[in-house]
Amino acid sequence: MENQDEFVPVLDEKELQEGKMKLVSVQGTPILFIKQEGQIFAINNRCPHMACSFSGGTLDGLVIVCPCHDWRFDLKTGKYDVEPGYELTKYEWKIKAGKIWIRLEEET
């Protein structure tokens, strides 16, 4: 079994396009990659409110909007704009040799 503290290769950098979301399963965890305004974000695909899938939602600048209840989360801070107690699960990532690598350990 792989150590979750280590990075694992997930997808080619060129597969992630500006203004788009890409859902990838990494060791059974649904990770949503987002490239917006030249920045890359890696979040758990499940909304912390009621576990709806973000991949069916929309992007509004650096905000992802959950399709179930229109909850809006800031991609940079991870916070819900109305109740900061709800936060996105974000993951650390890096680019190496044209591939995006992710560490499944949740950022704190």
PDB file of N, CA and C in Angstrom:
ATOM      1  N   MET A   1       0.851  -1.197   0.000  1.00  0.00           N
ATOM      2  CA  MET A   1       0.000   0.000   0.000  1.00  0.00           C
ATOM      3  C   MET A   1       0.885   1.246   0.000  1.00  0.00           C
ATOM      4  N   GLU A   2       0.488   2.222  -0.796  1.00  0.00           N
ATOM      5  CA  GLU A   2       1.300   3.435  -0.915  1.00  0.00           C
ATOM      6  C   GLU A   2       1.154   4.318   0.312  1.00  0.00           C
ATOM      7  N   ASN A   3       2.231   5.003   0.635  1.00  0.00           N
ATOM      8  CA  ASN A   3       2.217   5.969   1.716  1.00  0.00           C
ATOM      9  C   ASN A   3       1.471   7.207   1.247  1.00  0.00           C
ATOM     10  N   GLN A   4       0.442   7.626   1.978  1.00  0.00           N
ATOM     11  CA  GLN A   4      -0.357   8.762   1.534  1.00  0.00           C
ATOM     12  C   GLN A   4       0.373  10.089   1.678  1.00  0.00           C
ATOM     13  N   ASP A   5       1.540  10.075   2.334  1.00  0.00           N
ATOM     14  CA  ASP A   5       2.325  11.305   2.426  1.00  0.00           C
ATOM     15  C   ASP A   5       3.069  11.582   1.129  1.00  0.00           C
ATOM     16  N   GLU A   6       3.090  10.609   0.240  1.00  0.00           N
ATOM     17  CA  GLU A   6       3.829  10.758  -1.002  1.00  0.00           C
ATOM     18  C   GLU A   6       2.902  11.200  -2.129  1.00  0.00           C
ATOM     19  N   PHE A   7       3.506  11.876  -3.094  1.00  0.00           N
ATOM     20  CA  PHE A   7       2.752  12.322  -4.259  1.00  0.00           C
ATOM     21  C   PHE A   7       2.601  11.175  -5.249  1.00  0.00           C
ATOM     22  N   VAL A   8       1.454  11.139  -5.919  1.00  0.00           N
ATOM     23  CA  VAL A   8       1.214  10.141  -6.964  1.00  0.00           C
ATOM     24  C   VAL A   8       0.851  10.873  -8.255  1.00  0.00           C
ATOM     25  N   PRO A   9       1.307  10.372  -9.417  1.00  0.00           N
ATOM     26  CA  PRO A   9       0.967  11.021 -10.690  1.00  0.00           C
ATOM     27  C   PRO A   9      -0.504  10.785 -11.012  1.00  0.00           C
ATOM     28  N   VAL A  10      -1.161  11.843 -11.502  1.00  0.00           N
ATOM     29  CA  VAL A  10      -2.598  11.746 -11.729  1.00  0.00           C
ATOM     30  C   VAL A  10      -2.976  11.971 -13.186  1.00  0.00           C
ATOM     31  N   LEU A  11      -2.501  13.073 -13.782  1.00  0.00           N
ATOM     32  CA  LEU A  11      -2.854  13.356 -15.166  1.00  0.00           C
ATOM     33  C   LEU A  11      -1.804  14.253 -15.796  1.00  0.00           C
ATOM     34  N   ASP A  12      -1.818  14.284 -17.122  1.00  0.00           N
ATOM     35  CA  ASP A  12      -0.913  15.166 -17.842  1.00  0.00           C
ATOM     36  C   ASP A  12      -1.372  16.605 -17.661  1.00  0.00           C
ATOM     37  N   GLU A  13      -0.429  17.494 -17.491  1.00  0.00           N
ATOM     38  CA  GLU A  13      -0.746  18.910 -17.300  1.00  0.00           C
ATOM     39  C   GLU A  13      -1.615  19.440 -18.448  1.00  0.00           C
ATOM     40  N   LYS A  14      -1.344  18.983 -19.674  1.00  0.00           N
ATOM     41  CA  LYS A  14      -2.084  19.495 -20.838  1.00  0.00           C
ATOM     42  C   LYS A  14      -3.542  19.038 -20.861  1.00  0.00           C
ATOM     43  N   GLU A  15      -3.894  18.024 -20.045  1.00  0.00           N
ATOM     44  CA  GLU A  15      -5.284  17.566 -19.973  1.00  0.00           C
ATOM     45  C   GLU A  15      -6.176  18.551 -19.217  1.00  0.00           C
ATOM     46  N   LEU A  16      -5.565  19.412 -18.419  1.00  0.00           N
ATOM     47  CA  LEU A  16      -6.324  20.361 -17.610  1.00  0.00           C
ATOM     48  C   LEU A  16      -6.346  21.707 -18.319  1.00  0.00           C
ATOM     49  N   GLN A  17      -7.519  22.092 -18.802  1.00  0.00           N
ATOM     50  CA  GLN A  17      -7.642  23.307 -19.598  1.00  0.00           C
ATOM     51  C   GLN A  17      -8.185  24.460 -18.766  1.00  0.00           C
ATOM     52  N   GLU A  18      -7.784  25.665 -19.141  1.00  0.00           N
ATOM     53  CA  GLU A  18      -8.231  26.885 -18.468  1.00  0.00           C
ATOM     54  C   GLU A  18      -9.757  26.962 -18.435  1.00  0.00           C
ATOM     55  N   GLY A  19     -10.294  27.286 -17.255  1.00  0.00           N
ATOM     56  CA  GLY A  19     -11.729  27.452 -17.095  1.00  0.00           C
ATOM     57  C   GLY A  19     -12.508  26.152 -17.036  1.00  0.00           C
ATOM     58  N   LYS A  20     -11.799  25.039 -16.894  1.00  0.00           N
ATOM     59  CA  LYS A  20     -12.446  23.733 -16.912  1.00  0.00           C
ATOM     60  C   LYS A  20     -12.194  22.983 -15.611  1.00  0.00           C
ATOM     61  N   MET A  21     -13.057  21.984 -15.374  1.00  0.00           N
ATOM     62  CA  MET A  21     -12.909  21.075 -14.244  1.00  0.00           C
ATOM     63  C   MET A  21     -12.674  19.677 -14.794  1.00  0.00           C
ATOM     64  N   LYS A  22     -11.851  18.903 -14.097  1.00  0.00           N
ATOM     65  CA  LYS A  22     -11.593  17.524 -14.525  1.00  0.00           C
ATOM     66  C   LYS A  22     -11.654  16.625 -13.296  1.00  0.00           C
ATOM     67  N   LEU A  23     -12.562  15.665 -13.335  1.00  0.00           N
ATOM     68  CA  LEU A  23     -12.744  14.733 -12.226  1.00  0.00           C
ATOM     69  C   LEU A  23     -11.855  13.517 -12.437  1.00  0.00           C
ATOM     70  N   VAL A  24     -11.094  13.177 -11.398  1.00  0.00           N
ATOM     71  CA  VAL A  24     -10.190  12.034 -11.443  1.00  0.00           C
ATOM     72  C   VAL A  24     -10.353  11.253 -10.142  1.00  0.00           C
ATOM     73  N   SER A  25     -10.368   9.936 -10.238  1.00  0.00           N
ATOM     74  CA  SER A  25     -10.388   9.108  -9.035  1.00  0.00           C
ATOM     75  C   SER A  25      -8.944   8.742  -8.698  1.00  0.00           C
ATOM     76  N   VAL A  26      -8.519   9.096  -7.498  1.00  0.00           N
ATOM     77  CA  VAL A  26      -7.160   8.809  -7.056  1.00  0.00           C
ATOM     78  C   VAL A  26      -7.255   7.881  -5.852  1.00  0.00           C
ATOM     79  N   GLN A  27      -6.873   6.639  -6.057  1.00  0.00           N
ATOM     80  CA  GLN A  27      -6.942   5.619  -5.014  1.00  0.00           C
ATOM     81  C   GLN A  27      -8.323   5.604  -4.357  1.00  0.00           C
ATOM     82  N   GLY A  28      -9.366   5.707  -5.188  1.00  0.00           N
ATOM     83  CA  GLY A  28     -10.737   5.636  -4.710  1.00  0.00           C
ATOM     84  C   GLY A  28     -11.312   6.953  -4.209  1.00  0.00           C
ATOM     85  N   THR A  29     -10.513   8.015  -4.181  1.00  0.00           N
ATOM     86  CA  THR A  29     -10.985   9.324  -3.734  1.00  0.00           C
ATOM     87  C   THR A  29     -11.311  10.192  -4.945  1.00  0.00           C
ATOM     88  N   PRO A  30     -12.538  10.755  -5.015  1.00  0.00           N
ATOM     89  CA  PRO A  30     -12.887  11.610  -6.148  1.00  0.00           C
ATOM     90  C   PRO A  30     -12.266  13.000  -5.991  1.00  0.00           C
ATOM     91  N   ILE A  31     -11.300  13.313  -6.846  1.00  0.00           N
ATOM     92  CA  ILE A  31     -10.595  14.597  -6.793  1.00  0.00           C
ATOM     93  C   ILE A  31     -11.002  15.407  -8.021  1.00  0.00           C
ATOM     94  N   LEU A  32     -11.376  16.651  -7.788  1.00  0.00           N
ATOM     95  CA  LEU A  32     -11.727  17.547  -8.878  1.00  0.00           C
ATOM     96  C   LEU A  32     -10.595  18.546  -9.065  1.00  0.00           C
ATOM     97  N   PHE A  33     -10.003  18.498 -10.254  1.00  0.00           N
ATOM     98  CA  PHE A  33      -8.954  19.467 -10.611  1.00  0.00           C
ATOM     99  C   PHE A  33      -9.606  20.613 -11.363  1.00  0.00           C
ATOM    100  N   ILE A  34      -9.214  21.821 -11.030  1.00  0.00           N
ATOM    101  CA  ILE A  34      -9.778  23.017 -11.650  1.00  0.00           C
ATOM    102  C   ILE A  34      -8.627  23.922 -12.058  1.00  0.00           C
ATOM    103  N   LYS A  35      -8.692  24.412 -13.288  1.00  0.00           N
ATOM    104  CA  LYS A  35      -7.729  25.422 -13.726  1.00  0.00           C
ATOM    105  C   LYS A  35      -8.516  26.690 -14.010  1.00  0.00           C
ATOM    106  N   GLN A  36      -8.249  27.708 -13.225  1.00  0.00           N
ATOM    107  CA  GLN A  36      -9.001  28.948 -13.328  1.00  0.00           C
ATOM    108  C   GLN A  36      -8.048  30.114 -13.113  1.00  0.00           C
ATOM    109  N   GLU A  37      -8.089  31.078 -14.022  1.00  0.00           N
ATOM    110  CA  GLU A  37      -7.230  32.257 -13.962  1.00  0.00           C
ATOM    111  C   GLU A  37      -5.753  31.865 -13.843  1.00  0.00           C
ATOM    112  N   GLY A  38      -5.377  30.800 -14.560  1.00  0.00           N
ATOM    113  CA  GLY A  38      -3.992  30.353 -14.595  1.00  0.00           C
ATOM    114  C   GLY A  38      -3.533  29.607 -13.355  1.00  0.00           C
ATOM    115  N   GLN A  39      -4.442  29.367 -12.422  1.00  0.00           N
ATOM    116  CA  GLN A  39      -4.100  28.657 -11.191  1.00  0.00           C
ATOM    117  C   GLN A  39      -4.757  27.287 -11.197  1.00  0.00           C
ATOM    118  N   ILE A  40      -4.110  26.337 -10.533  1.00  0.00           N
ATOM    119  CA  ILE A  40      -4.659  24.990 -10.437  1.00  0.00           C
ATOM    120  C   ILE A  40      -5.102  24.744  -9.001  1.00  0.00           C
ATOM    121  N   PHE A  41      -6.268  24.119  -8.869  1.00  0.00           N
ATOM    122  CA  PHE A  41      -6.803  23.762  -7.563  1.00  0.00           C
ATOM    123  C   PHE A  41      -7.171  22.285  -7.598  1.00  0.00           C
ATOM    124  N   ALA A  42      -6.947  21.590  -6.492  1.00  0.00           N
ATOM    125  CA  ALA A  42      -7.332  20.185  -6.369  1.00  0.00           C
ATOM    126  C   ALA A  42      -8.179  20.067  -5.105  1.00  0.00           C
ATOM    127  N   ILE A  43      -9.457  19.705  -5.295  1.00  0.00           N
ATOM    128  CA  ILE A  43     -10.374  19.616  -4.165  1.00  0.00           C
ATOM    129  C   ILE A  43     -11.097  18.280  -4.188  1.00  0.00           C
ATOM    130  N   ASN A  44     -11.631  17.875  -3.039  1.00  0.00           N
ATOM    131  CA  ASN A  44     -12.476  16.698  -3.000  1.00  0.00           C
ATOM    132  C   ASN A  44     -13.751  17.038  -3.762  1.00  0.00           C
ATOM    133  N   ASN A  45     -14.231  16.109  -4.569  1.00  0.00           N
ATOM    134  CA  ASN A  45     -15.393  16.373  -5.418  1.00  0.00           C
ATOM    135  C   ASN A  45     -16.703  16.439  -4.638  1.00  0.00           C
ATOM    136  N   ARG A  46     -16.682  16.135  -3.356  1.00  0.00           N
ATOM    137  CA  ARG A  46     -17.911  16.147  -2.569  1.00  0.00           C
ATOM    138  C   ARG A  46     -18.039  17.441  -1.764  1.00  0.00           C
ATOM    139  N   CYS A  47     -19.185  18.092  -1.913  1.00  0.00           N
ATOM    140  CA  CYS A  47     -19.464  19.319  -1.168  1.00  0.00           C
ATOM    141  C   CYS A  47     -19.529  18.992   0.326  1.00  0.00           C
ATOM    142  N   PRO A  48     -18.906  19.815   1.170  1.00  0.00           N
ATOM    143  CA  PRO A  48     -18.943  19.552   2.616  1.00  0.00           C
ATOM    144  C   PRO A  48     -20.330  19.758   3.229  1.00  0.00           C
ATOM    145  N   HIS A  49     -21.259  20.315   2.467  1.00  0.00           N
ATOM    146  CA  HIS A  49     -22.610  20.545   2.978  1.00  0.00           C
ATOM    147  C   HIS A  49     -23.413  19.245   2.992  1.00  0.00           C
ATOM    148  N   MET A  50     -23.660  18.665   1.799  1.00  0.00           N
ATOM    149  CA  MET A  50     -24.443  17.434   1.731  1.00  0.00           C
ATOM    150  C   MET A  50     -23.851  16.425   0.750  1.00  0.00           C
ATOM    151  N   ALA A  51     -22.552  16.522   0.520  1.00  0.00           N
ATOM    152  CA  ALA A  51     -21.802  15.564  -0.300  1.00  0.00           C
ATOM    153  C   ALA A  51     -22.228  15.515  -1.764  1.00  0.00           C
ATOM    154  N   CYS A  52     -22.823  16.588  -2.265  1.00  0.00           N
ATOM    155  CA  CYS A  52     -23.143  16.648  -3.692  1.00  0.00           C
ATOM    156  C   CYS A  52     -21.845  16.719  -4.500  1.00  0.00           C
ATOM    157  N   SER A  53     -21.914  16.312  -5.741  1.00  0.00           N
ATOM    158  CA  SER A  53     -20.748  16.300  -6.613  1.00  0.00           C
ATOM    159  C   SER A  53     -20.504  17.687  -7.208  1.00  0.00           C
ATOM    160  N   PHE A  54     -19.341  18.269  -6.912  1.00  0.00           N
ATOM    161  CA  PHE A  54     -18.991  19.574  -7.477  1.00  0.00           C
ATOM    162  C   PHE A  54     -18.831  19.522  -8.989  1.00  0.00           C
ATOM    163  N   SER A  55     -18.517  18.345  -9.537  1.00  0.00           N
ATOM    164  CA  SER A  55     -18.235  18.257 -10.968  1.00  0.00           C
ATOM    165  C   SER A  55     -19.447  18.645 -11.818  1.00  0.00           C
ATOM    166  N   GLY A  56     -20.639  18.645 -11.228  1.00  0.00           N
ATOM    167  CA  GLY A  56     -21.825  19.086 -11.951  1.00  0.00           C
ATOM    168  C   GLY A  56     -22.118  20.565 -11.744  1.00  0.00           C
ATOM    169  N   GLY A  57     -21.259  21.238 -10.988  1.00  0.00           N
ATOM    170  CA  GLY A  57     -21.463  22.647 -10.671  1.00  0.00           C
ATOM    171  C   GLY A  57     -20.840  23.577 -11.685  1.00  0.00           C
ATOM    172  N   THR A  58     -20.723  24.836 -11.302  1.00  0.00           N
ATOM    173  CA  THR A  58     -20.182  25.842 -12.201  1.00  0.00           C
ATOM    174  C   THR A  58     -19.075  26.626 -11.512  1.00  0.00           C
ATOM    175  N   LEU A  59     -18.294  27.311 -12.334  1.00  0.00           N
ATOM    176  CA  LEU A  59     -17.241  28.182 -11.838  1.00  0.00           C
ATOM    177  C   LEU A  59     -17.659  29.627 -12.054  1.00  0.00           C
ATOM    178  N   ASP A  60     -17.370  30.456 -11.064  1.00  0.00           N
ATOM    179  CA  ASP A  60     -17.637  31.889 -11.146  1.00  0.00           C
ATOM    180  C   ASP A  60     -16.365  32.581 -10.669  1.00  0.00           C
ATOM    181  N   GLY A  61     -15.462  32.813 -11.611  1.00  0.00           N
ATOM    182  CA  GLY A  61     -14.143  33.328 -11.217  1.00  0.00           C
ATOM    183  C   GLY A  61     -13.440  32.289 -10.375  1.00  0.00           C
ATOM    184  N   LEU A  62     -12.965  32.681  -9.192  1.00  0.00           N
ATOM    185  CA  LEU A  62     -12.275  31.752  -8.298  1.00  0.00           C
ATOM    186  C   LEU A  62     -13.235  31.166  -7.262  1.00  0.00           C
ATOM    187  N   VAL A  63     -14.487  30.997  -7.659  1.00  0.00           N
ATOM    188  CA  VAL A  63     -15.513  30.412  -6.795  1.00  0.00           C
ATOM    189  C   VAL A  63     -16.120  29.222  -7.518  1.00  0.00           C
ATOM    190  N   ILE A  64     -16.307  28.116  -6.773  1.00  0.00           N
ATOM    191  CA  ILE A  64     -17.038  26.980  -7.332  1.00  0.00           C
ATOM    192  C   ILE A  64     -18.420  26.978  -6.694  1.00  0.00           C
ATOM    193  N   VAL A  65     -19.447  26.751  -7.535  1.00  0.00           N
ATOM    194  CA  VAL A  65     -20.829  26.783  -7.083  1.00  0.00           C
ATOM    195  C   VAL A  65     -21.379  25.357  -7.111  1.00  0.00           C
ATOM    196  N   CYS A  66     -21.799  24.865  -5.948  1.00  0.00           N
ATOM    197  CA  CYS A  66     -22.343  23.511  -5.845  1.00  0.00           C
ATOM    198  C   CYS A  66     -23.678  23.443  -6.588  1.00  0.00           C
ATOM    199  N   PRO A  67     -23.896  22.399  -7.402  1.00  0.00           N
ATOM    200  CA  PRO A  67     -25.126  22.315  -8.189  1.00  0.00           C
ATOM    201  C   PRO A  67     -26.371  21.987  -7.368  1.00  0.00           C
ATOM    202  N   CYS A  68     -26.216  21.460  -6.160  1.00  0.00           N
ATOM    203  CA  CYS A  68     -27.382  21.036  -5.375  1.00  0.00           C
ATOM    204  C   CYS A  68     -28.092  22.200  -4.681  1.00  0.00           C
ATOM    205  N   HIS A  69     -27.329  23.066  -4.025  1.00  0.00           N
ATOM    206  CA  HIS A  69     -27.942  24.141  -3.247  1.00  0.00           C
ATOM    207  C   HIS A  69     -27.323  25.498  -3.519  1.00  0.00           C
ATOM    208  N   ASP A  70     -26.533  25.600  -4.587  1.00  0.00           N
ATOM    209  CA  ASP A  70     -25.892  26.860  -4.988  1.00  0.00           C
ATOM    210  C   ASP A  70     -24.961  27.439  -3.924  1.00  0.00           C
ATOM    211  N   TRP A  71     -24.402  26.588  -3.082  1.00  0.00           N
ATOM    212  CA  TRP A  71     -23.416  27.068  -2.113  1.00  0.00           C
ATOM    213  C   TRP A  71     -22.154  27.431  -2.877  1.00  0.00           C
ATOM    214  N   ARG A  72     -21.538  28.540  -2.486  1.00  0.00           N
ATOM    215  CA  ARG A  72     -20.378  29.088  -3.190  1.00  0.00           C
ATOM    216  C   ARG A  72     -19.130  28.988  -2.303  1.00  0.00           C
ATOM    217  N   PHE A  73     -18.109  28.329  -2.839  1.00  0.00           N
ATOM    218  CA  PHE A  73     -16.866  28.156  -2.089  1.00  0.00           C
ATOM    219  C   PHE A  73     -15.714  28.848  -2.813  1.00  0.00           C
ATOM    220  N   ASP A  74     -14.936  29.589  -2.062  1.00  0.00           N
ATOM    221  CA  ASP A  74     -13.750  30.262  -2.584  1.00  0.00           C
ATOM    222  C   ASP A  74     -12.658  29.209  -2.800  1.00  0.00           C
ATOM    223  N   LEU A  75     -12.159  29.102  -4.014  1.00  0.00           N
ATOM    224  CA  LEU A  75     -11.145  28.079  -4.304  1.00  0.00           C
ATOM    225  C   LEU A  75      -9.825  28.352  -3.590  1.00  0.00           C
ATOM    226  N   LYS A  76      -9.505  29.609  -3.353  1.00  0.00           N
ATOM    227  CA  LYS A  76      -8.236  29.932  -2.686  1.00  0.00           C
ATOM    228  C   LYS A  76      -8.276  29.613  -1.194  1.00  0.00           C
ATOM    229  N   THR A  77      -9.333  30.045  -0.518  1.00  0.00           N
ATOM    230  CA  THR A  77      -9.412  29.846   0.935  1.00  0.00           C
ATOM    231  C   THR A  77     -10.129  28.553   1.301  1.00  0.00           C
ATOM    232  N   GLY A  78     -10.969  28.052   0.385  1.00  0.00           N
ATOM    233  CA  GLY A  78     -11.758  26.860   0.667  1.00  0.00           C
ATOM    234  C   GLY A  78     -13.037  27.150   1.427  1.00  0.00           C
ATOM    235  N   LYS A  79     -13.265  28.392   1.809  1.00  0.00           N
ATOM    236  CA  LYS A  79     -14.391  28.752   2.674  1.00  0.00           C
ATOM    237  C   LYS A  79     -15.699  28.947   1.900  1.00  0.00           C
ATOM    238  N   TYR A  80     -16.802  28.571   2.565  1.00  0.00           N
ATOM    239  CA  TYR A  80     -18.150  28.868   2.076  1.00  0.00           C
ATOM    240  C   TYR A  80     -18.402  30.337   2.375  1.00  0.00           C
ATOM    241  N   ASP A  81     -18.955  31.059   1.403  1.00  0.00           N
ATOM    242  CA  ASP A  81     -19.054  32.514   1.543  1.00  0.00           C
ATOM    243  C   ASP A  81     -20.042  32.987   2.608  1.00  0.00           C
ATOM    244  N   VAL A  82     -20.969  32.137   3.052  1.00  0.00           N
ATOM    245  CA  VAL A  82     -21.949  32.551   4.061  1.00  0.00           C
ATOM    246  C   VAL A  82     -21.583  32.027   5.449  1.00  0.00           C
ATOM    247  N   GLU A  83     -21.166  30.771   5.525  1.00  0.00           N
ATOM    248  CA  GLU A  83     -20.845  30.129   6.795  1.00  0.00           C
ATOM    249  C   GLU A  83     -19.442  29.527   6.707  1.00  0.00           C
ATOM    250  N   PRO A  84     -18.424  30.263   7.178  1.00  0.00           N
ATOM    251  CA  PRO A  84     -17.040  29.812   7.031  1.00  0.00           C
ATOM    252  C   PRO A  84     -16.719  28.482   7.713  1.00  0.00           C
ATOM    253  N   GLY A  85     -17.635  27.956   8.519  1.00  0.00           N
ATOM    254  CA  GLY A  85     -17.407  26.657   9.144  1.00  0.00           C
ATOM    255  C   GLY A  85     -17.399  25.515   8.140  1.00  0.00           C
ATOM    256  N   TYR A  86     -17.966  25.744   6.972  1.00  0.00           N
ATOM    257  CA  TYR A  86     -17.947  24.748   5.908  1.00  0.00           C
ATOM    258  C   TYR A  86     -16.770  25.051   5.006  1.00  0.00           C
ATOM    259  N   GLU A  87     -15.917  24.051   4.791  1.00  0.00           N
ATOM    260  CA  GLU A  87     -14.720  24.267   3.971  1.00  0.00           C
ATOM    261  C   GLU A  87     -14.510  23.140   2.988  1.00  0.00           C
ATOM    262  N   LEU A  88     -13.959  23.498   1.838  1.00  0.00           N
ATOM    263  CA  LEU A  88     -13.550  22.503   0.848  1.00  0.00           C
ATOM    264  C   LEU A  88     -12.417  21.665   1.412  1.00  0.00           C
ATOM    265  N   THR A  89     -12.343  20.415   0.992  1.00  0.00           N
ATOM    266  CA  THR A  89     -11.164  19.596   1.269  1.00  0.00           C
ATOM    267  C   THR A  89     -10.219  19.813   0.098  1.00  0.00           C
ATOM    268  N   LYS A  90      -9.066  20.422   0.383  1.00  0.00           N
ATOM    269  CA  LYS A  90      -8.096  20.738  -0.663  1.00  0.00           C
ATOM    270  C   LYS A  90      -6.892  19.806  -0.545  1.00  0.00           C
ATOM    271  N   TYR A  91      -6.235  19.587  -1.669  1.00  0.00           N
ATOM    272  CA  TYR A  91      -5.086  18.691  -1.712  1.00  0.00           C
ATOM    273  C   TYR A  91      -3.885  19.411  -2.302  1.00  0.00           C
ATOM    274  N   GLU A  92      -2.727  19.057  -1.789  1.00  0.00           N
ATOM    275  CA  GLU A  92      -1.475  19.599  -2.296  1.00  0.00           C
ATOM    276  C   GLU A  92      -1.134  18.893  -3.615  1.00  0.00           C
ATOM    277  N   TRP A  93      -0.607  19.636  -4.561  1.00  0.00           N
ATOM    278  CA  TRP A  93      -0.252  19.082  -5.862  1.00  0.00           C
ATOM    279  C   TRP A  93       1.044  19.730  -6.339  1.00  0.00           C
ATOM    280  N   LYS A  94       1.648  19.128  -7.340  1.00  0.00           N
ATOM    281  CA  LYS A  94       2.835  19.704  -7.976  1.00  0.00           C
ATOM    282  C   LYS A  94       2.889  19.218  -9.409  1.00  0.00           C
ATOM    283  N   ILE A  95       3.650  19.936 -10.213  1.00  0.00           N
ATOM    284  CA  ILE A  95       3.856  19.531 -11.602  1.00  0.00           C
ATOM    285  C   ILE A  95       5.288  19.057 -11.738  1.00  0.00           C
ATOM    286  N   LYS A  96       5.438  17.869 -12.302  1.00  0.00           N
ATOM    287  CA  LYS A  96       6.765  17.277 -12.481  1.00  0.00           C
ATOM    288  C   LYS A  96       6.770  16.560 -13.821  1.00  0.00           C
ATOM    289  N   ALA A  97       7.688  16.955 -14.690  1.00  0.00           N
ATOM    290  CA  ALA A  97       7.851  16.330 -16.008  1.00  0.00           C
ATOM    291  C   ALA A  97       6.542  16.311 -16.804  1.00  0.00           C
ATOM    292  N   GLY A  98       5.783  17.427 -16.737  1.00  0.00           N
ATOM    293  CA  GLY A  98       4.563  17.551 -17.525  1.00  0.00           C
ATOM    294  C   GLY A  98       3.351  16.850 -16.949  1.00  0.00           C
ATOM    295  N   LYS A  99       3.512  16.227 -15.779  1.00  0.00           N
ATOM    296  CA  LYS A  99       2.392  15.541 -15.124  1.00  0.00           C
ATOM    297  C   LYS A  99       2.022  16.278 -13.846  1.00  0.00           C
ATOM    298  N   ILE A 100       0.731  16.217 -13.502  1.00  0.00           N
ATOM    299  CA  ILE A 100       0.275  16.751 -12.223  1.00  0.00           C
ATOM    300  C   ILE A 100       0.283  15.597 -11.224  1.00  0.00           C
ATOM    301  N   TRP A 101       0.950  15.828 -10.107  1.00  0.00           N
ATOM    302  CA  TRP A 101       1.047  14.849  -9.026  1.00  0.00           C
ATOM    303  C   TRP A 101       0.250  15.394  -7.847  1.00  0.00           C
ATOM    304  N   ILE A 102      -0.337  14.507  -7.066  1.00  0.00           N
ATOM    305  CA  ILE A 102      -1.133  14.936  -5.920  1.00  0.00           C
ATOM    306  C   ILE A 102      -0.751  14.127  -4.686  1.00  0.00           C
ATOM    307  N   ARG A 103      -0.885  14.770  -3.545  1.00  0.00           N
ATOM    308  CA  ARG A 103      -0.705  14.072  -2.274  1.00  0.00           C
ATOM    309  C   ARG A 103      -2.088  13.975  -1.645  1.00  0.00           C
ATOM    310  N   LEU A 104      -2.514  12.755  -1.349  1.00  0.00           N
ATOM    311  CA  LEU A 104      -3.872  12.545  -0.856  1.00  0.00           C
ATOM    312  C   LEU A 104      -4.081  13.014   0.572  1.00  0.00           C
ATOM    313  N   GLU A 105      -3.020  13.199   1.309  1.00  0.00           N
ATOM    314  CA  GLU A 105      -3.188  13.713   2.666  1.00  0.00           C
ATOM    315  C   GLU A 105      -3.833  15.092   2.567  1.00  0.00           C
ATOM    316  N   GLU A 106      -4.897  15.301   3.328  1.00  0.00           N
ATOM    317  CA  GLU A 106      -5.623  16.561   3.268  1.00  0.00           C
ATOM    318  C   GLU A 106      -4.777  17.690   3.852  1.00  0.00           C
ATOM    319  N   GLU A 107      -4.850  18.848   3.207  1.00  0.00           N
ATOM    320  CA  GLU A 107      -4.163  20.020   3.729  1.00  0.00           C
ATOM    321  C   GLU A 107      -4.862  20.462   5.006  1.00  0.00           C
ATOM    322  N   THR A 108      -4.065  20.976   5.940  1.00  0.00           N
ATOM    323  CA  THR A 108      -4.657  21.477   7.182  1.00  0.00           C
ATOM    324  C   THR A 108      -4.486  22.963   7.295  1.00  0.00           C
TER     325      THR A 108
END
